[in-house]
Protein backbone atom coordinates (compact mmCIF):
# COMPACT_ATOMS: atom_id res chain seq x y z
CA MET A 1 252.11 -123.16 136.50
CA VAL A 2 249.20 -124.91 137.89
CA LYS A 3 250.93 -125.29 141.48
CA THR A 4 251.73 -121.37 141.22
CA ILE A 5 247.94 -120.69 140.77
CA ALA A 6 246.83 -123.11 143.34
CA THR A 7 249.22 -121.52 145.73
CA THR A 8 247.94 -118.11 145.03
CA CYS A 9 244.33 -118.92 145.31
CA MET A 10 245.16 -120.61 148.76
CA LEU A 11 246.95 -117.38 149.83
CA PHE A 12 243.89 -115.34 148.60
CA ALA A 13 241.31 -117.65 150.82
CA LEU A 14 243.65 -117.30 153.59
CA VAL A 15 243.68 -113.43 153.69
CA ALA A 16 240.16 -113.28 152.79
CA GLY A 17 239.49 -115.24 156.00
CA ALA A 18 241.64 -113.33 157.82
CA ALA A 19 240.08 -110.01 156.91
CA ARG A 20 236.99 -110.63 158.06
CA ALA A 21 235.53 -108.21 161.20
CA ASP A 22 233.48 -108.60 163.99
CA THR A 23 231.16 -105.87 165.35
CA LEU A 24 231.45 -104.82 168.59
CA LEU A 25 227.87 -103.52 170.41
CA LEU A 26 228.29 -101.27 173.60
CA ASP A 27 225.20 -100.73 175.54
CA GLY A 28 225.05 -97.42 176.68
CA VAL A 29 227.80 -95.52 174.86
CA GLU A 30 225.69 -92.80 173.74
CA SER A 31 223.93 -92.20 176.71
CA ASP A 32 226.93 -91.91 178.49
CA ALA A 33 228.56 -89.59 176.15
CA GLN A 34 225.48 -87.45 176.69
CA SER A 35 225.77 -87.40 180.53
CA ALA A 36 229.41 -86.56 180.08
CA SER A 37 228.40 -82.95 180.24
CA THR A 38 226.29 -83.46 183.32
CA ARG A 39 229.16 -84.86 185.49
CA PRO A 40 232.21 -82.96 187.30
CA LYS A 41 235.28 -82.30 184.67
CA SER A 42 238.75 -83.22 185.05
CA GLY A 43 240.50 -80.49 187.66
CA MET A 44 237.50 -79.30 189.59
CA THR A 45 238.15 -78.76 193.39
CA MET A 46 236.24 -80.80 195.80
CA THR A 47 234.60 -77.38 196.81
CA ALA A 48 233.81 -76.45 193.29
CA VAL A 49 232.21 -79.94 192.96
CA GLU A 50 230.07 -79.59 195.88
CA SER A 51 228.99 -76.26 195.15
CA THR A 52 227.87 -77.18 191.93
CA TYR A 53 226.22 -80.62 192.53
CA GLY A 54 225.57 -80.44 196.26
CA ALA A 55 226.60 -82.74 199.12
CA PRO A 56 227.13 -86.20 197.75
CA ALA A 57 225.04 -89.23 198.89
CA GLN A 58 228.23 -90.75 200.36
CA LYS A 59 231.96 -89.75 200.88
CA HIS A 60 234.09 -92.71 201.07
CA ALA A 61 237.50 -92.83 202.99
CA THR A 62 240.72 -91.67 201.24
CA VAL A 63 242.81 -94.33 200.26
CA GLY A 64 246.75 -94.73 198.88
CA GLN A 65 249.35 -92.73 197.75
CA PRO A 66 248.74 -89.99 196.28
CA PRO A 67 245.42 -90.10 198.09
CA ILE A 68 242.24 -90.99 196.16
CA THR A 69 238.85 -90.22 197.44
CA ARG A 70 235.46 -91.26 196.17
CA TRP A 71 232.36 -89.49 196.34
CA ASP A 72 228.80 -90.94 195.24
CA TYR A 73 226.10 -88.99 193.56
CA PRO A 74 222.78 -90.37 192.80
CA GLY A 75 223.85 -91.06 189.01
CA PHE A 76 227.51 -90.80 189.23
CA SER A 77 230.65 -91.40 191.34
CA VAL A 78 233.67 -89.09 191.52
CA TYR A 79 237.25 -89.78 191.82
CA PHE A 80 239.46 -86.91 193.34
CA GLU A 81 243.34 -87.11 193.63
CA ARG A 82 244.40 -85.05 196.37
CA GLU A 83 241.65 -82.10 196.10
CA ARG A 84 241.06 -82.42 192.54
CA VAL A 85 238.50 -84.38 190.12
CA ILE A 86 240.43 -87.10 188.12
CA HIS A 87 237.42 -88.97 186.85
CA ALA A 88 233.39 -88.95 187.09
CA VAL A 89 231.95 -92.08 186.12
CA VAL A 90 228.10 -93.14 185.59
CA ARG A 91 226.87 -95.50 187.97
CA ARG A 92 224.56 -98.25 186.76
């Protein structure tokens, strides 16, 4: 009986240690979510991006297959697959 109680207590101690949680702090998550509304949306065409946001500061050459192109604006970069936006990310 004593051996069973000791084993049970030991198992509870192991489980309690494994149940500990760590907190992950991410800088800029809130500001990134707020700025998402000011960046181009997925599916926009190159023409629509340029007419909405103006000419980019830099246009990078197309690479790969399917062709991926990057345009850099002062606060963000836009990635296109062919003529459509696939992602727009904040530049730090």
